[in-house]
C-alpha atoms as a PDB file:
ATOM      1  CA  UNK A   1     -16.121  27.502 -37.152  1.00  0.00           C
ATOM      2  CA  UNK A   2     -19.335  29.018 -38.549  1.00  0.00           C
ATOM      3  CA  UNK A   3     -19.631  32.561 -39.864  1.00  0.00           C
ATOM      4  CA  UNK A   4     -21.492  35.022 -37.665  1.00  0.00           C
ATOM      5  CA  UNK A   5     -23.566  37.948 -38.906  1.00  0.00           C
ATOM      6  CA  UNK A   6     -22.930  41.309 -37.199  1.00  0.00           C
ATOM      7  CA  UNK A   7     -24.906  44.526 -37.205  1.00  0.00           C
ATOM      8  CA  UNK A   8     -22.428  47.098 -35.866  1.00  0.00           C
ATOM      9  CA  UNK A   9     -23.816  50.308 -34.404  1.00  0.00           C
ATOM     10  CA  UNK A  10     -20.876  51.295 -32.210  1.00  0.00           C
ATOM     11  CA  UNK A  11     -18.464  53.671 -33.929  1.00  0.00           C
ATOM     12  CA  UNK A  12     -15.564  53.169 -33.423  1.00  0.00           C
ATOM     13  CA  UNK A  13     -15.693  49.382 -33.540  1.00  0.00           C
ATOM     14  CA  UNK A  14     -12.777  47.514 -31.947  1.00  0.00           C
ATOM     15  CA  UNK A  15     -12.388  43.876 -32.971  1.00  0.00           C
ATOM     16  CA  UNK A  16     -11.793  42.362 -29.536  1.00  0.00           C
ATOM     17  CA  UNK A  17     -12.357  38.815 -30.788  1.00  0.00           C
ATOM     18  CA  UNK A  18      -9.834  36.283 -32.058  1.00  0.00           C
ATOM     19  CA  UNK A  19     -11.673  36.149 -35.410  1.00  0.00           C
ATOM     20  CA  UNK A  20     -11.633  38.424 -38.453  1.00  0.00           C
ATOM     21  CA  UNK A  21     -14.490  40.788 -39.300  1.00  0.00           C
ATOM     22  CA  UNK A  22     -15.353  41.587 -42.908  1.00  0.00           C
ATOM     23  CA  UNK A  23     -17.475  44.648 -43.546  1.00  0.00           C
ATOM     24  CA  UNK A  24     -20.124  44.035 -46.193  1.00  0.00           C
ATOM     25  CA  UNK A  25     -21.789  47.446 -46.143  1.00  0.00           C
ATOM     26  CA  UNK A  26     -21.371  50.737 -44.327  1.00  0.00           C
ATOM     27  CA  UNK A  27     -23.520  53.794 -44.267  1.00  0.00           C
ATOM     28  CA  UNK A  28     -22.724  57.189 -42.917  1.00  0.00           C
ATOM     29  CA  UNK A  29     -25.109  60.038 -42.305  1.00  0.00           C
ATOM     30  CA  UNK A  30     -23.572  62.978 -44.175  1.00  0.00           C
ATOM     31  CA  UNK A  31     -23.429  66.545 -42.990  1.00  0.00           C
ATOM     32  CA  UNK A  32     -26.023  69.035 -44.202  1.00  0.00           C
ATOM     33  CA  UNK A  33     -25.558  70.550 -47.691  1.00  0.00           C
ATOM     34  CA  UNK A  34     -23.941  73.671 -46.233  1.00  0.00           C
ATOM     35  CA  UNK A  35     -20.983  71.550 -45.091  1.00  0.00           C
ATOM     36  CA  UNK A  36     -17.652  72.440 -46.622  1.00  0.00           C
ATOM     37  CA  UNK A  37     -14.560  70.365 -46.000  1.00  0.00           C
ATOM     38  CA  UNK A  38     -13.128  66.862 -46.017  1.00  0.00           C
ATOM     39  CA  UNK A  39     -15.025  63.792 -44.836  1.00  0.00           C
ATOM     40  CA  UNK A  40     -14.339  60.088 -45.083  1.00  0.00           C
ATOM     41  CA  UNK A  41     -16.372  56.959 -44.451  1.00  0.00           C
ATOM     42  CA  UNK A  42     -14.415  54.121 -42.956  1.00  0.00           C
ATOM     43  CA  UNK A  43     -10.945  54.273 -41.464  1.00  0.00           C
ATOM     44  CA  UNK A  44      -8.991  51.172 -40.434  1.00  0.00           C
ATOM     45  CA  UNK A  45      -6.514  51.577 -37.552  1.00  0.00           C
ATOM     46  CA  UNK A  46      -3.853  49.111 -36.472  1.00  0.00           C
ATOM     47  CA  UNK A  47      -3.448  48.207 -32.760  1.00  0.00           C
ATOM     48  CA  UNK A  48      -1.149  51.224 -32.220  1.00  0.00           C
ATOM     49  CA  UNK A  49      -3.825  53.631 -33.544  1.00  0.00           C
ATOM     50  CA  UNK A  50      -2.048  54.325 -36.839  1.00  0.00           C
ATOM     51  CA  UNK A  51      -4.299  54.690 -39.892  1.00  0.00           C
ATOM     52  CA  UNK A  52      -3.825  51.693 -42.182  1.00  0.00           C
ATOM     53  CA  UNK A  53      -6.496  52.571 -44.771  1.00  0.00           C
ATOM     54  CA  UNK A  54      -9.299  54.987 -45.617  1.00  0.00           C
ATOM     55  CA  UNK A  55     -12.084  53.465 -47.654  1.00  0.00           C
ATOM     56  CA  UNK A  56     -14.219  56.262 -49.079  1.00  0.00           C
ATOM     57  CA  UNK A  57     -13.816  59.994 -48.977  1.00  0.00           C
ATOM     58  CA  UNK A  58     -15.519  63.065 -50.347  1.00  0.00           C
ATOM     59  CA  UNK A  59     -14.297  66.631 -50.438  1.00  0.00           C
ATOM     60  CA  UNK A  60     -17.317  68.914 -50.565  1.00  0.00           C
ATOM     61  CA  UNK A  61     -17.286  72.631 -51.204  1.00  0.00           C
ATOM     62  CA  UNK A  62     -19.853  75.364 -51.514  1.00  0.00           C
ATOM     63  CA  UNK A  63     -19.888  76.495 -55.131  1.00  0.00           C
ATOM     64  CA  UNK A  64     -22.801  78.664 -56.269  1.00  0.00           C
ATOM     65  CA  UNK A  65     -20.822  80.182 -59.135  1.00  0.00           C
ATOM     66  CA  UNK A  66     -20.109  76.882 -60.889  1.00  0.00           C
ATOM     67  CA  UNK A  67     -23.593  75.388 -60.497  1.00  0.00           C
ATOM     68  CA  UNK A  68     -27.186  76.471 -60.051  1.00  0.00           C
ATOM     69  CA  UNK A  69     -27.240  74.556 -56.780  1.00  0.00           C
ATOM     70  CA  UNK A  70     -26.125  75.863 -53.382  1.00  0.00           C
ATOM     71  CA  UNK A  71     -23.301  73.322 -53.209  1.00  0.00           C
ATOM     72  CA  UNK A  72     -21.282  70.932 -55.355  1.00  0.00           C
ATOM     73  CA  UNK A  73     -19.185  67.862 -54.696  1.00  0.00           C
ATOM     74  CA  UNK A  74     -15.694  68.822 -55.759  1.00  0.00           C
ATOM     75  CA  UNK A  75     -13.717  65.592 -55.426  1.00  0.00           C
ATOM     76  CA  UNK A  76     -14.369  62.003 -54.504  1.00  0.00           C
ATOM     77  CA  UNK A  77     -12.204  58.952 -53.849  1.00  0.00           C
ATOM     78  CA  UNK A  78     -13.185  55.367 -53.281  1.00  0.00           C
ATOM     79  CA  UNK A  79     -10.668  53.028 -51.729  1.00  0.00           C
ATOM     80  CA  UNK A  80     -10.520  49.234 -51.525  1.00  0.00           C
ATOM     81  CA  UNK A  81     -13.836  47.407 -51.643  1.00  0.00           C
ATOM     82  CA  UNK A  82     -12.830  44.599 -49.260  1.00  0.00           C
ATOM     83  CA  UNK A  83     -12.621  45.738 -45.644  1.00  0.00           C
ATOM     84  CA  UNK A  84     -11.279  43.135 -43.211  1.00  0.00           C
ATOM     85  CA  UNK A  85     -10.673  44.022 -39.578  1.00  0.00           C
ATOM     86  CA  UNK A  86      -8.051  41.763 -37.967  1.00  0.00           C
ATOM     87  CA  UNK A  87      -8.192  40.942 -34.258  1.00  0.00           C
ATOM     88  CA  UNK A  88      -7.097  43.946 -32.183  1.00  0.00           C
ATOM     89  CA  UNK A  89      -7.694  46.475 -35.001  1.00  0.00           C
ATOM     90  CA  UNK A  90     -10.236  49.327 -35.019  1.00  0.00           C
ATOM     91  CA  UNK A  91     -12.684  50.531 -37.664  1.00  0.00           C
ATOM     92  CA  UNK A  92     -14.143  54.020 -37.252  1.00  0.00           C
ATOM     93  CA  UNK A  93     -15.946  56.887 -38.994  1.00  0.00           C
ATOM     94  CA  UNK A  94     -18.512  54.652 -40.656  1.00  0.00           C
ATOM     95  CA  UNK A  95     -21.846  55.185 -38.871  1.00  0.00           C
ATOM     96  CA  UNK A  96     -23.388  51.698 -38.997  1.00  0.00           C
ATOM     97  CA  UNK A  97     -22.192  48.504 -40.668  1.00  0.00           C
ATOM     98  CA  UNK A  98     -23.245  45.025 -41.710  1.00  0.00           C
ATOM     99  CA  UNK A  99     -20.489  42.450 -41.349  1.00  0.00           C
ATOM    100  CA  UNK A 100     -19.572  38.805 -41.021  1.00  0.00           C
ATOM    101  CA  UNK A 101     -17.130  37.334 -38.512  1.00  0.00           C
ATOM    102  CA  UNK A 102     -15.071  34.159 -38.729  1.00  0.00           C
ATOM    103  CA  UNK A 103     -11.667  32.796 -39.688  1.00  0.00           C
ATOM    104  CA  UNK A 104      -9.702  34.653 -42.375  1.00  0.00           C
ATOM    105  CA  UNK A 105     -10.440  31.891 -44.866  1.00  0.00           C
ATOM    106  CA  UNK A 106     -14.171  32.024 -44.124  1.00  0.00           C
ATOM    107  CA  UNK A 107     -14.558  35.792 -44.490  1.00  0.00           C
ATOM    108  CA  UNK A 108     -12.503  35.796 -47.718  1.00  0.00           C
ATOM    109  CA  UNK A 109     -14.776  33.161 -49.290  1.00  0.00           C
ATOM    110  CA  UNK A 110     -17.863  35.423 -49.187  1.00  0.00           C
ATOM    111  CA  UNK A 111     -18.518  37.254 -52.455  1.00  0.00           C
END
């Protein structure tokens, strides 16, 4: 079976195939600088809709006292770098993504 290249623009993305999908890159259009709160980029859900993993998150707050800027990034977290979506699983909150699709062995071989 040959690997397929995917450009995913539908968020959430449901893997309705019998193959595995490996995300190579995601990009998310962030909120304006006045945003204050919790945001994450990339959430993997199992077939029941339960969150299995969150891949990147940022907690932003408005902080004019601590910096000369109108906002500051307070906390950040980066999760696993390898994102594989099994058949029947969902990936959401990512914006757009570049991915490959194939057997588990094939998608794991890509560096």
